[in-house]
Amino acid sequence: MAEAPRTGRWAFVLDHSLLLVAGALAALAWANIAPDSYARFADATHFAVNDIGMAFFFALAAKEIVEATLPGGSLSSVREAAVPLVAAVGGMAAPAGIYLALAAAAGRPDLVPGWAVPCATDIAFSYLAARLIFPAGHPAIPFLLLLAIADDAMGLVLLAVFYPAAPVSVVTFVGLLLPALGVAYWLRRRGVKSHWPYAIGAGGISWAAFLLGGLHPALALVPIVPFMPHEPRDLGLFDRAELDRPETLNRFERFWHVPVEFILLAFGLVNAGVAASGVGTGTWIALGSLVAGKPVGIVGLTVLAVAAGLRPPGGLSYRHTAVVGLTAGVGFTVALFFATAAFPRGATLDEVKMGALLSIVAAPLAIMAARLSGLRPRGGA
């Protein structure tokens, strides 16, 4: 994902996903001041935002995964990517395990469906925190980004498999998805450069396949994105040279980058409204699983990977890895999405959503831990 060459306060707002934060804060205020009107608003807009709008958010995440697998990309060589990929598995398994253990200890079986909520990592906020912690060019930053991409990729699989939107009909899903993929393939073979036929034509059929097949339609563009014409090599994450690339996939991102920020504003507004009374056991279980589970899982699996003979990129130390793990504890966007997919509206959902929202505290905790350990964003270790 290349950062657009914007300047000024508006650029800062867009590039740091502050519209999402604004939406979440507005939702919290609204839900506590006028809960009935907020509930009516959320019910009326939930489908449009979560099932249609968020398809473009997940499409941009899929773009990063596709490009990372190209020659020159961070996932192109399993040998180079092995340690952060293994660490990503730990960063999902440990929080899920801690969550389930705490739910069992608390005698709250109603919380069990949310086991995947603490598996999430918010790329935007964790990347922002990493830039405030590590000096430019530090290997911890690409390590975190690769880990977050792998986390998101596995998260998409979890969402599709374990959180279907309705009773799954494999026949309906496959019967509609195959024509969608056929249309996308035909468009690519015809050399169609505009991203609209892929997104609206093939994507529309795919969206129907997910919706009618019982899977979450927000994932509809994920199987279509790889068919969009793209460059043969990846320049790397957040490389500004991508701004000049004319291929369809880059034009798709350039067009949707700003609209997706407003979709995230709407997502925060629709999903983050939790009454103050909604704080409960599920809040602390979700929050603790993210903030504690991420560094435990990431450091633990990194230690095992190194013991097995792999080498972390750039000679990354365990001190750096621990800070990366804490930074990855920001679940926020994806954790909120998982929560709304896992639970129906009600007290349990409110508890877990509050934990997902509060996970943003992992960023200042990571910054504090970094400072205490001597890391500085410029000239640091």
Protein backbone atom coordinates (compact mmCIF):
# COMPACT_ATOMS: atom_id res chain seq x y z
CA MET A 1 0.00 0.00 0.00
CA ALA A 2 1.63 3.20 -1.12
CA GLU A 3 1.08 6.38 0.84
CA ALA A 4 -0.41 9.13 -1.28
CA PRO A 5 1.63 12.33 -1.51
CA ARG A 6 -0.76 14.45 0.55
CA THR A 7 0.36 17.15 2.92
CA GLY A 8 -1.13 19.04 5.82
CA ARG A 9 -3.59 18.17 8.55
CA TRP A 10 -6.05 16.40 6.26
CA ALA A 11 -3.27 14.11 5.04
CA PHE A 12 -2.37 13.30 8.65
CA VAL A 13 -6.01 12.42 9.39
CA LEU A 14 -6.28 10.11 6.37
CA ASP A 15 -2.89 8.45 6.63
CA HIS A 16 -3.34 7.62 10.31
CA SER A 17 -6.93 6.31 10.07
CA LEU A 18 -8.15 9.01 12.45
CA LEU A 19 -11.56 8.99 10.76
CA LEU A 20 -12.06 5.51 12.18
CA VAL A 21 -11.15 6.81 15.63
CA ALA A 22 -13.53 9.74 15.19
CA GLY A 23 -16.34 7.38 14.20
CA ALA A 24 -15.69 5.13 17.18
CA LEU A 25 -15.63 8.05 19.63
CA ALA A 26 -18.81 9.51 18.15
CA ALA A 27 -20.50 6.10 18.43
CA LEU A 28 -19.49 5.75 22.08
CA ALA A 29 -20.86 9.21 22.87
CA TRP A 30 -24.08 8.65 20.92
CA ALA A 31 -24.73 5.21 22.44
CA ASN A 32 -24.42 6.63 25.95
CA ILE A 33 -26.34 9.88 25.38
CA ALA A 34 -29.20 8.59 23.23
CA PRO A 35 -29.04 4.79 23.15
CA ASP A 36 -32.41 4.25 21.49
CA SER A 37 -31.71 6.51 18.50
CA TYR A 38 -28.21 5.04 18.17
CA ALA A 39 -29.63 1.51 18.12
CA ARG A 40 -32.10 2.49 15.38
CA PHE A 41 -29.29 4.08 13.35
CA ALA A 42 -26.97 1.09 13.77
CA ASP A 43 -29.70 -1.38 12.82
CA ALA A 44 -30.61 0.65 9.71
CA THR A 45 -27.04 1.04 8.43
CA HIS A 46 -25.32 -2.15 9.65
CA PHE A 47 -25.84 -4.15 6.44
CA ALA A 48 -24.75 -1.36 4.08
CA VAL A 49 -21.58 -0.67 6.04
CA ASN A 50 -20.51 -4.12 7.24
CA ASP A 51 -21.63 -6.28 4.32
CA ILE A 52 -21.11 -3.89 1.38
CA GLY A 53 -18.75 -1.07 2.33
CA MET A 54 -16.25 -3.22 4.22
CA ALA A 55 -15.79 -5.38 1.12
CA PHE A 56 -13.53 -2.62 -0.19
CA PHE A 57 -11.54 -2.50 3.05
CA PHE A 58 -10.85 -6.23 2.83
CA ALA A 59 -10.08 -5.84 -0.89
CA LEU A 60 -7.26 -3.42 -0.05
CA ALA A 61 -5.98 -5.87 2.55
CA ALA A 62 -6.08 -8.62 -0.10
CA LYS A 63 -4.09 -6.39 -2.45
CA GLU A 64 -1.26 -6.24 0.08
CA ILE A 65 -1.28 -10.02 0.42
CA VAL A 66 -1.25 -10.52 -3.37
CA GLU A 67 1.64 -8.10 -3.88
CA ALA A 68 3.61 -9.55 -0.99
CA THR A 69 3.65 -12.92 -2.80
CA LEU A 70 5.13 -11.43 -6.00
CA PRO A 71 8.88 -11.55 -6.75
CA GLY A 72 10.54 -8.98 -4.51
CA GLY A 73 7.65 -9.11 -2.03
CA SER A 74 8.00 -9.98 1.62
CA LEU A 75 6.15 -13.28 1.13
CA SER A 76 7.87 -14.26 -2.12
CA SER A 77 10.50 -16.31 -0.36
CA VAL A 78 9.32 -18.60 2.41
CA ARG A 79 12.91 -18.72 3.63
CA GLU A 80 13.03 -14.94 4.13
CA ALA A 81 9.51 -14.69 5.47
CA ALA A 82 9.63 -17.80 7.65
CA VAL A 83 10.25 -16.22 11.06
CA PRO A 84 7.57 -13.49 10.92
CA LEU A 85 5.16 -16.01 9.36
CA VAL A 86 5.78 -18.46 12.21
CA ALA A 87 5.52 -15.57 14.68
CA ALA A 88 2.15 -14.62 13.16
CA VAL A 89 0.85 -18.12 13.94
CA GLY A 90 1.96 -17.67 17.55
CA GLY A 91 0.42 -14.21 17.59
CA MET A 92 -2.95 -15.76 16.75
CA ALA A 93 -2.78 -19.05 18.67
CA ALA A 94 -1.66 -17.64 22.03
CA PRO A 95 -4.33 -14.90 22.27
CA ALA A 96 -7.04 -17.38 21.21
CA GLY A 97 -5.83 -19.91 23.78
CA ILE A 98 -5.64 -17.31 26.54
CA TYR A 99 -9.11 -16.03 25.63
CA LEU A 100 -10.65 -19.50 25.82
CA ALA A 101 -8.85 -20.30 29.09
CA LEU A 102 -10.02 -17.06 30.70
CA ALA A 103 -13.58 -17.54 29.45
CA ALA A 104 -13.61 -21.03 30.97
CA ALA A 105 -12.10 -19.80 34.24
CA ALA A 106 -14.73 -17.06 34.44
CA GLY A 107 -17.54 -19.53 33.80
CA ARG A 108 -18.64 -17.65 30.68
CA PRO A 109 -19.37 -20.18 27.91
CA ASP A 110 -21.30 -17.43 26.10
CA LEU A 111 -17.94 -15.77 25.36
CA VAL A 112 -16.45 -18.81 23.59
CA PRO A 113 -17.62 -17.84 20.04
CA GLY A 114 -15.38 -14.76 20.26
CA TRP A 115 -12.14 -16.76 20.49
CA ALA A 116 -10.90 -15.29 17.19
CA VAL A 117 -11.40 -11.65 18.26
CA PRO A 118 -7.94 -11.35 19.89
CA CYS A 119 -6.30 -12.99 16.85
CA ALA A 120 -6.62 -9.70 14.95
CA THR A 121 -3.94 -7.06 14.32
CA ASP A 122 -4.82 -3.63 13.00
CA ILE A 123 -2.19 -2.89 10.33
CA ALA A 124 -2.72 0.88 10.25
CA PHE A 125 -2.45 1.53 13.98
CA SER A 126 0.30 -1.00 14.63
CA TYR A 127 2.32 0.49 11.75
CA LEU A 128 1.84 3.98 13.15
CA ALA A 129 3.06 2.84 16.57
CA ALA A 130 6.06 1.08 15.01
CA ARG A 131 7.11 4.29 13.24
CA LEU A 132 6.99 6.11 16.59
CA ILE A 133 9.08 3.39 18.25
CA PHE A 134 11.77 2.29 15.81
CA PRO A 135 14.24 4.33 13.77
CA ALA A 136 13.68 4.56 10.00
CA GLY A 137 14.90 1.44 8.23
CA HIS A 138 14.86 -0.70 11.36
CA PRO A 139 14.11 -4.37 10.53
CA ALA A 140 11.39 -4.46 13.19
CA ILE A 141 9.09 -2.39 10.96
CA PRO A 142 8.97 -4.77 7.95
CA PHE A 143 8.88 -7.68 10.43
CA LEU A 144 5.72 -6.21 12.00
CA LEU A 145 4.14 -5.42 8.63
CA LEU A 146 4.79 -8.91 7.29
CA LEU A 147 3.45 -10.41 10.50
CA ALA A 148 0.33 -8.23 10.26
CA ILE A 149 -0.24 -9.17 6.61
CA ALA A 150 0.04 -12.88 7.45
CA ASP A 151 -2.23 -12.26 10.44
CA ASP A 152 -4.83 -10.64 8.18
CA ALA A 153 -4.55 -13.42 5.59
CA MET A 154 -5.18 -16.09 8.22
CA GLY A 155 -7.88 -13.88 9.74
CA LEU A 156 -9.76 -13.82 6.44
CA VAL A 157 -9.71 -17.62 6.43
CA LEU A 158 -10.96 -17.75 10.02
CA LEU A 159 -13.74 -15.31 9.20
CA ALA A 160 -14.87 -17.34 6.19
CA VAL A 161 -14.67 -20.75 7.89
CA PHE A 162 -15.72 -20.12 11.48
CA TYR A 163 -18.03 -17.12 11.19
CA PRO A 164 -20.47 -17.76 8.36
CA ALA A 165 -23.15 -15.08 8.06
CA ALA A 166 -25.94 -17.68 7.66
CA PRO A 167 -26.32 -21.44 7.23
CA VAL A 168 -23.69 -22.39 4.66
CA SER A 169 -24.79 -23.72 1.28
CA VAL A 170 -21.70 -25.04 -0.46
CA VAL A 171 -23.61 -25.71 -3.69
CA THR A 172 -24.93 -22.15 -3.88
CA PHE A 173 -21.58 -20.65 -2.95
CA VAL A 174 -19.55 -22.66 -5.46
CA GLY A 175 -22.24 -22.37 -8.12
CA LEU A 176 -22.03 -18.58 -8.05
CA LEU A 177 -18.35 -18.14 -7.19
CA LEU A 178 -17.10 -20.15 -10.16
CA PRO A 179 -18.88 -17.86 -12.68
CA ALA A 180 -17.51 -14.84 -10.78
CA LEU A 181 -13.97 -16.17 -11.08
CA GLY A 182 -14.66 -17.02 -14.74
CA VAL A 183 -15.73 -13.43 -15.43
CA ALA A 184 -12.64 -12.08 -13.64
CA TYR A 185 -10.40 -14.43 -15.63
CA TRP A 186 -12.11 -13.44 -18.90
CA LEU A 187 -11.63 -9.74 -18.10
CA ARG A 188 -7.94 -10.30 -17.44
CA ARG A 189 -7.48 -12.32 -20.63
CA ARG A 190 -9.21 -9.54 -22.58
CA GLY A 191 -6.74 -7.07 -21.15
CA VAL A 192 -9.39 -4.97 -19.39
CA LYS A 193 -7.53 -2.26 -17.46
CA SER A 194 -10.38 -0.54 -15.62
CA HIS A 195 -10.94 -1.89 -12.14
CA TRP A 196 -14.70 -1.29 -12.32
CA PRO A 197 -15.63 -4.42 -14.35
CA TYR A 198 -13.65 -6.53 -11.88
CA ALA A 199 -15.15 -4.88 -8.79
CA ILE A 200 -18.74 -4.46 -9.99
CA GLY A 201 -19.09 -7.29 -12.53
CA ALA A 202 -17.08 -10.20 -11.16
CA GLY A 203 -17.23 -8.72 -7.64
CA GLY A 204 -21.00 -8.40 -7.75
CA ILE A 205 -21.44 -12.07 -8.64
CA SER A 206 -18.92 -13.02 -5.96
CA TRP A 207 -20.79 -10.89 -3.42
CA ALA A 208 -24.00 -12.76 -4.24
CA ALA A 209 -22.10 -16.06 -3.86
CA PHE A 210 -20.91 -15.15 -0.36
CA LEU A 211 -24.26 -13.71 0.73
CA LEU A 212 -26.48 -16.50 -0.61
CA GLY A 213 -23.92 -19.18 0.24
CA GLY A 214 -23.96 -18.14 3.90
CA LEU A 215 -20.43 -16.67 4.12
CA HIS A 216 -19.68 -13.09 5.07
CA PRO A 217 -20.15 -10.93 1.92
CA ALA A 218 -17.51 -8.46 3.12
CA LEU A 219 -14.99 -11.01 1.80
CA ALA A 220 -16.49 -10.97 -1.71
CA LEU A 221 -13.69 -9.05 -3.44
CA VAL A 222 -10.88 -11.09 -1.87
CA PRO A 223 -10.97 -13.86 -4.54
CA ILE A 224 -11.39 -11.27 -7.33
CA VAL A 225 -8.43 -9.03 -6.45
CA PRO A 226 -5.73 -11.52 -7.63
CA PHE A 227 -7.20 -11.41 -11.16
CA MET A 228 -6.72 -7.64 -11.52
CA PRO A 229 -3.70 -6.94 -13.74
CA HIS A 230 -0.71 -6.02 -11.62
CA GLU A 231 3.01 -5.41 -11.91
CA PRO A 232 5.24 -8.51 -12.10
CA ARG A 233 7.26 -7.45 -9.04
CA ASP A 234 6.50 -5.87 -5.69
CA LEU A 235 8.31 -2.71 -4.72
CA GLY A 236 7.66 -3.28 -1.04
CA LEU A 237 5.10 -2.09 1.45
CA PHE A 238 4.36 1.66 1.51
CA ASP A 239 6.78 2.36 -1.35
CA ARG A 240 5.85 5.74 -2.84
CA ALA A 241 6.93 4.58 -6.31
CA GLU A 242 3.68 2.58 -6.43
CA LEU A 243 1.88 5.89 -6.93
CA ASP A 244 3.16 6.06 -10.50
CA ARG A 245 2.37 2.47 -11.44
CA PRO A 246 -0.41 2.31 -14.04
CA GLU A 247 -1.58 -1.28 -13.52
CA THR A 248 -5.18 -2.00 -12.55
CA LEU A 249 -4.46 -3.14 -9.01
CA ASN A 250 -2.60 0.07 -8.18
CA ARG A 251 -5.30 2.21 -9.76
CA PHE A 252 -7.87 0.31 -7.73
CA GLU A 253 -6.05 1.16 -4.53
CA ARG A 254 -5.48 4.80 -5.48
CA PHE A 255 -9.19 5.23 -6.21
CA TRP A 256 -10.45 3.47 -3.09
CA HIS A 257 -7.86 4.60 -0.52
CA VAL A 258 -9.76 7.74 0.55
CA PRO A 259 -13.29 6.29 0.21
CA VAL A 260 -12.24 3.36 2.40
CA GLU A 261 -11.19 5.80 5.11
CA PHE A 262 -14.75 7.16 5.10
CA ILE A 263 -16.08 3.60 5.08
CA LEU A 264 -14.00 3.03 8.22
CA LEU A 265 -15.51 6.20 9.69
CA ALA A 266 -18.95 4.71 9.07
CA PHE A 267 -17.77 1.32 10.39
CA GLY A 268 -16.64 2.90 13.65
CA LEU A 269 -19.89 4.85 13.92
CA VAL A 270 -22.06 1.78 13.29
CA ASN A 271 -20.15 -0.79 15.34
CA ALA A 272 -18.36 0.95 18.21
CA GLY A 273 -21.39 2.23 20.10
CA VAL A 274 -21.24 0.53 23.48
CA ALA A 275 -22.95 1.79 26.62
CA ALA A 276 -20.69 2.37 29.61
CA SER A 277 -22.60 -0.42 31.32
CA GLY A 278 -21.36 -2.72 28.55
CA VAL A 279 -17.96 -3.05 30.22
CA GLY A 280 -17.74 -6.46 31.79
CA THR A 281 -15.83 -9.71 32.05
CA GLY A 282 -15.72 -10.12 28.27
CA THR A 283 -14.07 -6.70 27.96
CA TRP A 284 -11.12 -7.62 30.14
CA ILE A 285 -10.79 -11.10 28.64
CA ALA A 286 -10.65 -9.73 25.07
CA LEU A 287 -8.31 -6.89 26.06
CA GLY A 288 -6.00 -9.06 28.15
CA SER A 289 -5.84 -11.74 25.45
CA LEU A 290 -4.73 -9.15 22.89
CA VAL A 291 -2.28 -7.16 24.99
CA ALA A 292 -0.71 -10.17 26.73
CA GLY A 293 -1.31 -12.91 24.19
CA LYS A 294 0.22 -11.18 21.18
CA PRO A 295 3.73 -10.63 22.66
CA VAL A 296 3.71 -14.05 24.35
CA GLY A 297 2.78 -15.86 21.13
CA ILE A 298 5.02 -13.82 18.84
CA VAL A 299 8.12 -14.03 21.04
CA GLY A 300 7.49 -17.68 21.89
CA LEU A 301 7.20 -18.83 18.28
CA THR A 302 10.14 -16.62 17.24
CA VAL A 303 12.31 -18.34 19.87
CA LEU A 304 11.24 -21.75 18.54
CA ALA A 305 11.87 -20.69 14.94
CA VAL A 306 15.38 -19.49 15.76
CA ALA A 307 16.04 -22.66 17.74
CA ALA A 308 15.02 -24.63 14.63
CA GLY A 309 17.72 -22.85 12.62
CA LEU A 310 15.83 -19.91 11.10
CA ARG A 311 17.11 -16.35 11.35
CA PRO A 312 14.97 -13.27 11.97
CA PRO A 313 15.44 -10.53 9.35
CA GLY A 314 18.19 -8.03 10.07
CA GLY A 315 19.30 -9.84 13.20
CA LEU A 316 16.21 -8.71 15.09
CA SER A 317 16.74 -9.19 18.84
CA TYR A 318 14.23 -10.69 21.24
CA ARG A 319 13.92 -7.26 22.86
CA HIS A 320 12.79 -5.83 19.52
CA THR A 321 10.51 -8.81 18.95
CA ALA A 322 8.82 -8.31 22.32
CA VAL A 323 8.07 -4.67 21.46
CA VAL A 324 6.76 -5.76 18.05
CA GLY A 325 4.52 -8.29 19.80
CA LEU A 326 3.10 -5.65 22.11
CA THR A 327 2.55 -3.32 19.15
CA ALA A 328 0.64 -6.08 17.35
CA GLY A 329 -1.78 -6.17 20.27
CA VAL A 330 -3.78 -3.34 18.70
CA GLY A 331 -6.76 -5.26 17.31
CA PHE A 332 -9.23 -2.41 16.82
CA THR A 333 -10.72 -2.55 13.27
CA VAL A 334 -10.44 -6.26 12.51
CA ALA A 335 -11.13 -7.24 16.13
CA LEU A 336 -14.33 -5.16 16.06
CA PHE A 337 -15.34 -6.86 12.81
CA PHE A 338 -14.71 -10.30 14.26
CA ALA A 339 -16.75 -9.40 17.35
CA THR A 340 -19.75 -8.32 15.30
CA ALA A 341 -19.46 -11.53 13.25
CA ALA A 342 -19.17 -13.74 16.34
CA PHE A 343 -22.02 -12.44 18.48
CA PRO A 344 -25.59 -11.24 17.99
CA ARG A 345 -26.51 -7.84 19.35
CA GLY A 346 -26.63 -7.86 23.12
CA ALA A 347 -24.64 -7.58 26.32
CA THR A 348 -21.99 -10.15 25.36
CA LEU A 349 -21.25 -8.38 22.08
CA ASP A 350 -20.98 -5.04 23.90
CA GLU A 351 -18.49 -6.47 26.39
CA VAL A 352 -16.22 -7.93 23.73
CA LYS A 353 -16.47 -4.87 21.45
CA MET A 354 -15.32 -2.67 24.31
CA GLY A 355 -12.28 -4.93 24.73
CA ALA A 356 -11.51 -4.61 21.00
CA LEU A 357 -11.79 -0.83 21.25
CA LEU A 358 -9.62 -0.60 24.34
CA SER A 359 -6.90 -2.69 22.67
CA ILE A 360 -5.63 0.58 21.23
CA VAL A 361 -3.86 0.99 24.59
CA ALA A 362 -1.33 -1.56 23.31
CA ALA A 363 0.21 1.22 21.19
CA PRO A 364 1.17 3.57 24.08
CA LEU A 365 2.19 0.55 26.15
CA ALA A 366 4.53 -0.54 23.35
CA ILE A 367 5.96 2.98 23.06
CA MET A 368 6.51 3.09 26.83
CA ALA A 369 8.17 -0.33 26.83
CA ALA A 370 10.40 0.74 23.96
CA ARG A 371 11.51 3.89 25.74
CA LEU A 372 12.22 1.98 28.95
CA SER A 373 14.35 -0.47 26.96
CA GLY A 374 16.29 2.33 25.25
CA LEU A 375 14.67 2.26 21.81
CA ARG A 376 14.25 5.60 20.05
CA PRO A 377 12.59 6.42 16.69
CA ARG A 378 15.74 8.20 15.53
CA GLY A 379 19.17 6.88 16.15
CA GLY A 380 17.79 4.16 18.45
CA ALA A 381 18.99 0.62 18.86
